[in-house]
């Protein structure tokens, strides 16, 4: 624990949806939902106008449509999100070389690593940074927390969200944390919160009233000991500016050995999709999928397969992982299964959120460079028309594509419909990054 409030956590508000509202004037002030638009799609980000209708991240898109049918449902534009993220991260590195990005839209900053940091003027610093980010990103807002530890800084950034800031004065951590719900502590999800509620633990203050042995008995050694410590605001983790993720994986150990292949298939499918979600959150994709299994006799094996290009597609990762499971001997049962992705890259395919088309069978000829490949017009994607200029796809189907012609710097524009193969219509190009952030 530090004696000064010098660790900052910054979180861009409703990031993906806010970028879409920024770049699409007709959507400003209206509910916007970004995510997978297929039958099994999930919500990635919902604007605050959609959240008032109960739409939340990770909700199934079908439920989101039922809750907020009048929202704009968009498939997502990763290049636009990454561009905005780079602007923000560059501004944070001007504060200090010690910046730890957690994902495209949030990061920790060790302000004490900055050459000119003045602890007594942290409020002024936060106000200036938030204003700079809004200006540099053409309107995106950020919520900021500053405290003496990572734990308290992250919690503080939620206090006045959205578009707010909160500084936890050193020495006041316990007073700030105590009245909060136990779910304010990272890692206390719905299942853990329900287990705690059943024994009368609702707030962080309630957590403090338990001994470490009681929490370990209730939640297990690792989680119980961690919650006991975090409920007392004890967190001495350093900001790690050079974190390099080499792989992302999920694994689970079963209470009893499992021989049921159908159950294992369900487990592996869910794990692959969870890994895909983590890749997307961190702006990554990967080429190598690995299946890890531990047999009943504790013998552990791994199998892997590598794609020609990186992906973050849940369907592709699940299909590859299930193929590896198919080749696994289940005699005697498995006590552990895990799915991981390595060979990571910081870029993904354009159809970030959509369910992709199946991979080509080995005996199907690949498309040649001279063959025309129809454009997959997806809601929200940027387009350009030779006569009408730049816009974005409002909707598509039945051989037609409807476009709204407007840009970040224009007023809300008109809507036109074209044939999907209109030679004057092509995938568009967004505005370049501001000159102030070019290399």
Protein backbone atom coordinates (compact mmCIF):
# COMPACT_ATOMS: atom_id res chain seq x y z
CA UNK A 1 0.00 0.00 0.00
CA UNK A 2 1.27 3.45 -0.91
CA UNK A 3 1.11 6.62 1.10
CA UNK A 4 -0.10 8.61 -1.92
CA UNK A 5 -2.97 8.24 -4.37
CA UNK A 6 -0.75 7.58 -7.37
CA UNK A 7 -2.29 4.62 -9.22
CA UNK A 8 -4.90 5.55 -11.81
CA UNK A 9 -7.43 3.28 -13.48
CA UNK A 10 -9.08 4.61 -16.64
CA UNK A 11 -12.08 2.97 -18.30
CA UNK A 12 -13.62 4.29 -21.52
CA UNK A 13 -17.41 4.46 -21.19
CA UNK A 14 -19.45 1.93 -23.23
CA UNK A 15 -16.46 1.92 -25.56
CA UNK A 16 -17.57 0.06 -28.70
CA UNK A 17 -21.05 1.61 -28.64
CA UNK A 18 -19.63 5.08 -27.97
CA UNK A 19 -17.31 4.83 -30.98
CA UNK A 20 -20.31 3.90 -33.13
CA UNK A 21 -22.34 6.85 -31.82
CA UNK A 22 -19.40 9.16 -32.41
CA UNK A 23 -18.98 8.06 -36.03
CA UNK A 24 -22.72 7.81 -36.81
CA UNK A 25 -24.45 11.12 -36.00
CA UNK A 26 -27.96 9.68 -36.41
CA UNK A 27 -27.29 7.26 -33.49
CA UNK A 28 -26.19 9.85 -30.95
CA UNK A 29 -28.42 9.79 -27.90
CA UNK A 30 -30.11 6.59 -29.08
CA UNK A 31 -29.72 2.97 -27.91
CA UNK A 32 -26.88 1.15 -29.68
CA UNK A 33 -25.97 -2.50 -29.18
CA UNK A 34 -22.75 -3.98 -30.59
CA UNK A 35 -22.12 -7.69 -30.77
CA UNK A 36 -22.72 -10.93 -32.64
CA UNK A 37 -25.82 -10.67 -34.81
CA UNK A 38 -26.23 -14.40 -35.51
CA UNK A 39 -28.58 -16.78 -33.75
CA UNK A 40 -26.00 -17.49 -31.05
CA UNK A 41 -24.60 -13.97 -30.86
CA UNK A 42 -24.02 -12.15 -27.59
CA UNK A 43 -23.85 -8.47 -26.66
CA UNK A 44 -20.33 -7.06 -26.55
CA UNK A 45 -21.23 -3.51 -25.50
CA UNK A 46 -24.49 -1.61 -25.01
CA UNK A 47 -24.78 2.15 -24.92
CA UNK A 48 -26.17 3.71 -21.76
CA UNK A 49 -29.41 4.44 -23.63
CA UNK A 50 -29.77 0.67 -24.14
CA UNK A 51 -28.73 -0.21 -20.60
CA UNK A 52 -31.75 1.54 -19.12
CA UNK A 53 -33.79 -1.19 -20.84
CA UNK A 54 -31.80 -3.90 -19.05
CA UNK A 55 -29.36 -4.75 -21.85
CA UNK A 56 -25.96 -5.83 -20.55
CA UNK A 57 -22.66 -7.18 -21.92
CA UNK A 58 -22.57 -10.96 -22.45
CA UNK A 59 -26.39 -11.11 -22.73
CA UNK A 60 -27.68 -13.22 -25.58
CA UNK A 61 -28.52 -10.99 -28.52
CA UNK A 62 -32.01 -12.51 -28.78
CA UNK A 63 -32.79 -11.30 -25.26
CA UNK A 64 -31.30 -7.87 -26.02
CA UNK A 65 -33.59 -7.56 -29.05
CA UNK A 66 -36.59 -8.46 -26.91
CA UNK A 67 -35.66 -5.90 -24.24
CA UNK A 68 -34.77 -3.07 -26.60
CA UNK A 69 -36.20 -3.79 -30.08
CA UNK A 70 -35.84 -0.17 -31.20
CA UNK A 71 -32.02 -0.16 -30.73
CA UNK A 72 -29.48 -0.07 -33.54
CA UNK A 73 -27.85 -3.52 -33.66
CA UNK A 74 -24.36 -3.35 -35.16
CA UNK A 75 -21.73 -5.98 -35.89
CA UNK A 76 -18.67 -4.03 -34.77
CA UNK A 77 -15.61 -2.40 -36.42
CA UNK A 78 -12.43 -3.51 -34.72
CA UNK A 79 -10.15 -1.16 -36.65
CA UNK A 80 -12.11 1.85 -35.40
CA UNK A 81 -11.94 0.63 -31.81
CA UNK A 82 -8.24 -0.10 -32.02
CA UNK A 83 -7.55 3.34 -33.52
CA UNK A 84 -9.36 5.08 -30.65
CA UNK A 85 -7.59 2.87 -28.11
CA UNK A 86 -4.18 3.77 -29.50
CA UNK A 87 -4.95 7.48 -29.13
CA UNK A 88 -5.92 7.00 -25.49
CA UNK A 89 -2.96 4.78 -24.60
CA UNK A 90 -0.53 7.26 -26.16
CA UNK A 91 -1.98 10.05 -24.02
CA UNK A 92 -1.63 7.90 -20.90
CA UNK A 93 2.02 7.19 -21.69
CA UNK A 94 2.62 10.93 -21.68
CA UNK A 95 1.69 10.84 -17.99
CA UNK A 96 4.04 7.99 -17.12
CA UNK A 97 6.00 5.24 -18.85
CA UNK A 98 4.31 2.79 -16.47
CA UNK A 99 1.04 2.04 -18.30
CA UNK A 100 -0.58 -1.39 -18.06
CA UNK A 101 -3.33 -1.87 -20.68
CA UNK A 102 -5.93 -4.38 -19.55
CA UNK A 103 -7.92 -4.30 -22.79
CA UNK A 104 -8.65 -1.84 -25.57
CA UNK A 105 -10.73 0.35 -23.28
CA UNK A 106 -9.04 0.27 -19.88
CA UNK A 107 -5.61 0.61 -18.32
CA UNK A 108 -3.72 1.22 -15.09
CA UNK A 109 -1.18 4.05 -14.89
CA UNK A 110 1.46 4.46 -12.19
CA UNK A 111 1.40 8.25 -11.96
CA UNK A 112 4.39 8.22 -9.60
CA UNK A 113 6.49 7.04 -12.55
CA UNK A 114 5.91 10.36 -14.28
CA UNK A 115 8.66 12.94 -14.13
CA UNK A 116 6.42 15.81 -13.05
CA UNK A 117 3.81 14.05 -10.88
CA UNK A 118 2.58 16.15 -7.96
CA UNK A 119 0.42 14.16 -5.49
CA UNK A 120 -1.30 17.31 -4.22
CA UNK A 121 -2.56 18.17 -7.72
CA UNK A 122 -3.96 14.79 -8.73
CA UNK A 123 -7.51 16.17 -9.14
CA UNK A 124 -6.28 18.73 -11.65
CA UNK A 125 -4.34 16.04 -13.49
CA UNK A 126 -7.37 13.77 -13.78
CA UNK A 127 -9.57 16.62 -15.02
CA UNK A 128 -7.01 17.52 -17.69
CA UNK A 129 -6.50 13.93 -18.84
CA UNK A 130 -10.22 13.29 -19.21
CA UNK A 131 -10.65 16.51 -21.17
CA UNK A 132 -7.68 15.67 -23.41
CA UNK A 133 -9.03 12.20 -24.17
CA UNK A 134 -12.44 13.58 -25.07
CA UNK A 135 -10.79 16.07 -27.40
CA UNK A 136 -8.30 13.65 -28.99
CA UNK A 137 -10.92 10.96 -29.62
CA UNK A 138 -13.54 13.42 -30.90
CA UNK A 139 -15.98 12.94 -28.05
CA UNK A 140 -15.30 9.67 -26.21
CA UNK A 141 -15.57 9.91 -22.44
CA UNK A 142 -13.68 8.07 -19.71
CA UNK A 143 -14.28 7.23 -16.07
CA UNK A 144 -11.23 7.49 -13.83
CA UNK A 145 -10.29 6.31 -10.36
CA UNK A 146 -7.11 7.16 -8.48
CA UNK A 147 -5.99 5.50 -5.26
CA UNK A 148 -3.08 4.00 -3.39
CA UNK A 149 -3.53 0.54 -4.98
CA UNK A 150 -4.78 -1.14 -8.12
CA UNK A 151 -7.76 -2.57 -6.25
CA UNK A 152 -8.99 0.75 -4.96
CA UNK A 153 -8.24 2.60 -8.21
CA UNK A 154 -10.38 0.16 -10.22
CA UNK A 155 -13.21 0.34 -7.69
CA UNK A 156 -12.95 4.14 -7.62
CA UNK A 157 -13.38 4.34 -11.41
CA UNK A 158 -16.86 2.81 -11.00
CA UNK A 159 -18.06 5.29 -8.36
CA UNK A 160 -19.03 8.16 -10.67
CA UNK A 161 -19.37 6.22 -13.93
CA UNK A 162 -20.04 7.22 -16.67
CA UNK A 163 -17.89 10.24 -17.48
CA UNK A 164 -16.76 10.85 -13.91
CA UNK A 165 -13.81 10.58 -11.58
CA UNK A 166 -13.15 9.68 -7.95
CA UNK A 167 -9.95 9.95 -5.93
CA UNK A 168 -9.59 7.79 -2.81
CA UNK A 169 -7.59 9.73 -0.25
CA UNK A 170 -4.82 7.62 1.35
CA UNK A 171 -6.03 6.30 4.69
CA UNK A 172 -9.72 6.35 3.72
CA UNK A 173 -9.69 3.02 1.84
CA UNK A 174 -11.54 1.03 4.49
CA UNK A 175 -14.21 3.70 4.93
CA UNK A 176 -14.80 3.87 1.17
CA UNK A 177 -14.84 0.12 0.65
CA UNK A 178 -16.82 -1.02 3.69
CA UNK A 179 -20.39 -0.01 2.71
CA UNK A 180 -20.04 -1.32 -0.84
CA UNK A 181 -21.61 -4.57 -2.00
CA UNK A 182 -19.25 -7.54 -1.89
CA UNK A 183 -19.52 -7.67 -5.69
CA UNK A 184 -17.47 -4.46 -5.84
CA UNK A 185 -14.39 -6.61 -5.24
CA UNK A 186 -13.06 -8.02 -8.53
CA UNK A 187 -13.66 -11.76 -8.72
CA UNK A 188 -16.93 -11.77 -6.78
CA UNK A 189 -19.36 -12.75 -9.49
CA UNK A 190 -23.01 -13.82 -9.23
CA UNK A 191 -22.27 -17.36 -8.05
CA UNK A 192 -19.84 -16.26 -5.31
CA UNK A 193 -22.15 -13.42 -4.27
CA UNK A 194 -25.05 -15.85 -3.88
CA UNK A 195 -22.94 -18.21 -1.79
CA UNK A 196 -21.95 -15.32 0.44
CA UNK A 197 -25.52 -14.03 0.68
CA UNK A 198 -26.74 -17.38 1.96
CA UNK A 199 -24.56 -16.98 5.04
CA UNK A 200 -25.48 -13.33 5.55
CA UNK A 201 -22.54 -11.67 3.81
CA UNK A 202 -23.71 -8.82 1.59
CA UNK A 203 -21.30 -5.91 2.00
CA UNK A 204 -17.55 -5.67 2.15
CA UNK A 205 -17.92 -4.81 5.84
CA UNK A 206 -19.69 -8.16 6.29
CA UNK A 207 -16.72 -9.85 4.63
CA UNK A 208 -14.36 -8.23 7.11
CA UNK A 209 -16.35 -9.74 9.93
CA UNK A 210 -15.36 -13.23 8.84
CA UNK A 211 -12.12 -14.94 9.73
CA UNK A 212 -9.83 -16.10 6.96
CA UNK A 213 -10.54 -19.72 7.97
CA UNK A 214 -14.30 -19.18 7.58
CA UNK A 215 -13.89 -17.68 4.10
CA UNK A 216 -11.52 -20.47 3.05
CA UNK A 217 -14.01 -23.07 4.24
CA UNK A 218 -16.79 -21.33 2.33
CA UNK A 219 -14.98 -20.48 -0.92
CA UNK A 220 -11.78 -22.53 -1.05
CA UNK A 221 -8.19 -21.70 -0.19
CA UNK A 222 -7.29 -19.34 -3.02
CA UNK A 223 -10.49 -17.32 -3.28
CA UNK A 224 -11.20 -17.27 0.45
CA UNK A 225 -7.74 -16.00 1.37
CA UNK A 226 -7.83 -13.44 -1.45
CA UNK A 227 -11.21 -12.02 -0.43
CA UNK A 228 -10.14 -11.76 3.21
CA UNK A 229 -7.16 -9.68 2.12
CA UNK A 230 -8.94 -7.55 -0.49
CA UNK A 231 -11.84 -6.76 1.85
CA UNK A 232 -9.20 -5.02 3.97
CA UNK A 233 -7.94 -3.11 0.91
CA UNK A 234 -4.62 -4.94 1.07
CA UNK A 235 -3.15 -4.86 -2.43
CA UNK A 236 0.49 -4.21 -3.24
CA UNK A 237 0.48 -5.24 -6.90
CA UNK A 238 2.65 -3.09 -9.13
CA UNK A 239 1.62 -1.62 -12.49
CA UNK A 240 3.22 -3.90 -15.11
CA UNK A 241 3.85 -1.93 -18.32
CA UNK A 242 5.44 -4.75 -20.30
CA UNK A 243 2.86 -7.47 -19.85
CA UNK A 244 3.06 -9.81 -22.83
CA UNK A 245 0.34 -12.38 -23.14
CA UNK A 246 1.75 -15.48 -24.82
CA UNK A 247 -1.40 -17.57 -24.57
CA UNK A 248 -4.94 -17.51 -23.25
CA UNK A 249 -6.45 -20.67 -21.82
CA UNK A 250 -9.26 -22.08 -19.71
CA UNK A 251 -9.24 -25.42 -17.90
CA UNK A 252 -11.34 -27.28 -15.35
CA UNK A 253 -10.77 -30.21 -13.03
CA UNK A 254 -13.77 -32.48 -12.53
CA UNK A 255 -14.87 -33.80 -9.15
CA UNK A 256 -14.99 -37.31 -10.63
CA UNK A 257 -13.44 -38.74 -13.80
CA UNK A 258 -15.66 -38.13 -16.85
CA UNK A 259 -16.11 -40.72 -19.60
CA UNK A 260 -19.24 -39.25 -21.22
CA UNK A 261 -18.07 -37.88 -24.56
CA UNK A 262 -21.16 -35.72 -25.04
CA UNK A 263 -20.59 -33.99 -21.70
CA UNK A 264 -16.92 -33.45 -22.57
CA UNK A 265 -17.91 -31.99 -25.92
CA UNK A 266 -20.16 -29.49 -24.15
CA UNK A 267 -17.36 -28.57 -21.75
CA UNK A 268 -14.79 -28.11 -24.53
CA UNK A 269 -17.20 -26.07 -26.66
CA UNK A 270 -17.92 -23.75 -23.72
CA UNK A 271 -14.21 -23.39 -22.92
CA UNK A 272 -13.32 -22.53 -26.51
CA UNK A 273 -15.99 -19.84 -26.60
CA UNK A 274 -14.82 -18.44 -23.28
CA UNK A 275 -11.26 -18.22 -24.62
CA UNK A 276 -12.61 -16.47 -27.72
CA UNK A 277 -14.33 -13.94 -25.49
CA UNK A 278 -11.11 -13.20 -23.66
CA UNK A 279 -9.25 -12.79 -26.94
CA UNK A 280 -11.83 -10.26 -28.14
CA UNK A 281 -11.77 -8.34 -24.86
CA UNK A 282 -8.00 -7.93 -25.08
CA UNK A 283 -7.96 -7.12 -28.79
CA UNK A 284 -6.11 -10.32 -29.68
CA UNK A 285 -6.44 -13.29 -32.00
CA UNK A 286 -4.50 -16.54 -32.24
CA UNK A 287 -3.40 -19.25 -34.66
CA UNK A 288 -2.72 -22.32 -32.51
CA UNK A 289 -5.48 -24.12 -30.61
CA UNK A 290 -4.40 -26.58 -27.92
CA UNK A 291 -6.44 -29.17 -26.05
CA UNK A 292 -5.08 -30.31 -22.69
CA UNK A 293 -6.37 -33.47 -21.00
CA UNK A 294 -5.43 -35.27 -17.80
CA UNK A 295 -6.42 -38.92 -17.59
CA UNK A 296 -7.66 -40.86 -14.58
CA UNK A 297 -4.07 -41.98 -13.84
CA UNK A 298 -2.85 -38.31 -13.85
CA UNK A 299 -1.09 -38.73 -17.18
CA UNK A 300 -1.37 -35.40 -19.02
CA UNK A 301 -1.35 -34.91 -22.78
CA UNK A 302 -1.76 -31.95 -25.13
CA UNK A 303 -2.80 -31.86 -28.77
CA UNK A 304 -2.73 -28.80 -30.98
CA UNK A 305 -3.58 -27.57 -34.45
CA UNK A 306 -2.52 -24.37 -36.21
CA UNK A 307 -4.49 -22.11 -38.57
CA UNK A 308 -2.92 -20.27 -41.51
CA UNK A 309 -4.08 -16.93 -40.05
CA UNK A 310 -5.09 -15.75 -36.57
CA UNK A 311 -8.74 -15.73 -35.50
CA UNK A 312 -10.88 -14.86 -32.50
CA UNK A 313 -13.98 -16.60 -33.88
CA UNK A 314 -15.81 -18.64 -31.19
CA UNK A 315 -17.18 -21.03 -33.80
CA UNK A 316 -13.79 -21.70 -35.42
CA UNK A 317 -11.99 -22.18 -32.09
CA UNK A 318 -14.73 -24.48 -30.81
CA UNK A 319 -14.69 -26.57 -33.97
CA UNK A 320 -10.93 -27.05 -33.82
CA UNK A 321 -10.96 -27.90 -30.11
CA UNK A 322 -13.76 -30.42 -30.61
CA UNK A 323 -11.78 -32.00 -33.44
CA UNK A 324 -8.84 -32.48 -31.09
CA UNK A 325 -11.15 -34.02 -28.50
CA UNK A 326 -12.49 -36.44 -31.10
CA UNK A 327 -9.00 -37.90 -31.47
CA UNK A 328 -8.56 -38.33 -27.71
CA UNK A 329 -8.84 -41.72 -25.99
CA UNK A 330 -11.38 -41.45 -23.15
CA UNK A 331 -10.75 -44.92 -21.69
CA UNK A 332 -10.74 -44.65 -17.90
CA UNK A 333 -12.12 -41.10 -18.03
CA UNK A 334 -10.66 -37.61 -17.87
CA UNK A 335 -10.17 -35.64 -14.67
CA UNK A 336 -9.12 -32.38 -16.35
CA UNK A 337 -9.79 -30.67 -19.68
CA UNK A 338 -8.46 -27.36 -20.94
CA UNK A 339 -8.53 -25.28 -24.13
CA UNK A 340 -5.89 -22.70 -24.99
CA UNK A 341 -4.93 -20.41 -27.86
CA UNK A 342 -1.37 -19.26 -28.62
CA UNK A 343 0.46 -17.66 -31.51
CA UNK A 344 -1.27 -14.43 -30.57
CA UNK A 345 -1.55 -11.31 -32.72
CA UNK A 346 -3.03 -7.89 -32.04
CA UNK A 347 -5.31 -7.96 -35.04
CA UNK A 348 -8.35 -9.95 -36.05
CA UNK A 349 -10.45 -10.58 -39.10
CA UNK A 350 -12.93 -7.88 -40.10
CA UNK A 351 -16.02 -9.89 -39.09
CA UNK A 352 -15.12 -9.54 -35.44
CA UNK A 353 -18.48 -10.44 -33.95
CA UNK A 354 -20.31 -12.39 -36.63
CA UNK A 355 -20.50 -16.16 -36.85
CA UNK A 356 -18.08 -16.97 -39.71
CA UNK A 357 -18.67 -19.15 -42.70
CA UNK A 358 -17.42 -22.75 -42.37
CA UNK A 359 -13.83 -23.43 -43.34
CA UNK A 360 -13.37 -24.81 -46.84
CA UNK A 361 -13.17 -28.63 -47.00
CA UNK A 362 -9.77 -29.94 -48.06
CA UNK A 363 -11.12 -31.09 -51.44
CA UNK A 364 -12.81 -27.78 -52.31
CA UNK A 365 -10.75 -25.49 -54.56
CA UNK A 366 -9.84 -22.14 -53.13
CA UNK A 367 -11.19 -18.95 -54.72
CA UNK A 368 -8.76 -17.56 -57.24
CA UNK A 369 -7.75 -13.92 -57.38
CA UNK A 370 -9.73 -13.42 -60.60
CA UNK A 371 -13.04 -14.66 -59.18
CA UNK A 372 -15.45 -12.05 -57.85
CA UNK A 373 -16.19 -12.53 -54.15
CA UNK A 374 -19.47 -10.93 -53.01
CA UNK A 375 -19.12 -8.39 -50.21
CA UNK A 376 -20.76 -9.46 -46.95
CA UNK A 377 -22.56 -6.24 -46.05
CA UNK A 378 -23.01 -6.18 -42.29
CA UNK A 379 -24.94 -3.64 -40.17
CA UNK A 380 -22.63 -0.84 -39.08
CA UNK A 381 -19.78 -1.40 -41.54
CA UNK A 382 -18.25 1.57 -43.37
CA UNK A 383 -19.03 1.98 -47.07
CA UNK A 384 -18.28 4.37 -49.90
CA UNK A 385 -20.41 5.20 -52.92
CA UNK A 386 -18.91 6.93 -55.93
CA UNK A 387 -21.77 9.44 -56.11
CA UNK A 388 -23.08 9.75 -52.54
CA UNK A 389 -19.79 9.50 -50.63
CA UNK A 390 -19.11 7.84 -47.28
CA UNK A 391 -21.66 6.16 -45.04
CA UNK A 392 -22.48 2.95 -43.20
CA UNK A 393 -24.66 -0.09 -43.72
CA UNK A 394 -28.10 0.36 -42.20
CA UNK A 395 -29.24 -3.13 -43.20
CA UNK A 396 -28.91 -5.77 -45.89
CA UNK A 397 -30.81 -8.74 -47.31
CA UNK A 398 -32.67 -10.09 -50.33
CA UNK A 399 -30.00 -8.80 -52.65
CA UNK A 400 -30.22 -5.21 -51.39
CA UNK A 401 -28.12 -3.10 -49.06
CA UNK A 402 -29.39 0.06 -47.34
CA UNK A 403 -26.85 2.75 -46.51
CA UNK A 404 -27.03 5.87 -44.38
CA UNK A 405 -24.70 8.51 -45.78
CA UNK A 406 -23.09 10.36 -42.89
CA UNK A 407 -19.71 10.57 -41.20
CA UNK A 408 -18.27 11.61 -37.87
CA UNK A 409 -18.06 15.26 -39.01
CA UNK A 410 -21.36 15.51 -40.89
CA UNK A 411 -24.96 15.94 -39.73
CA UNK A 412 -27.31 12.96 -39.75
CA UNK A 413 -27.55 11.92 -43.39
CA UNK A 414 -30.00 10.45 -45.91
CA UNK A 415 -30.71 6.77 -46.48
CA UNK A 416 -30.40 5.06 -49.86
CA UNK A 417 -30.86 1.45 -50.99
CA UNK A 418 -28.75 -0.31 -53.65
CA UNK A 419 -28.25 -3.74 -55.13
CA UNK A 420 -25.61 -5.65 -53.17
CA UNK A 421 -23.48 -5.92 -56.32
CA UNK A 422 -23.76 -2.22 -57.23
CA UNK A 423 -20.38 -1.45 -58.87
CA UNK A 424 -20.37 2.06 -57.37
CA UNK A 425 -20.60 0.75 -53.77
CA UNK A 426 -17.57 -0.56 -51.90
CA UNK A 427 -16.33 -1.09 -48.34
CA UNK A 428 -15.48 2.36 -47.08
CA UNK A 429 -12.57 4.07 -45.39
CA UNK A 430 -13.02 5.93 -42.15
CA UNK A 431 -11.47 9.24 -41.21
CA UNK A 432 -7.76 8.95 -40.48
CA UNK A 433 -6.45 9.27 -36.94
CA UNK A 434 -5.89 12.88 -35.81
CA UNK A 435 -2.59 14.38 -36.93
CA UNK A 436 -1.53 14.79 -33.30
CA UNK A 437 -1.27 11.04 -32.81
CA UNK A 438 0.37 9.99 -36.05
CA UNK A 439 3.83 8.50 -35.77
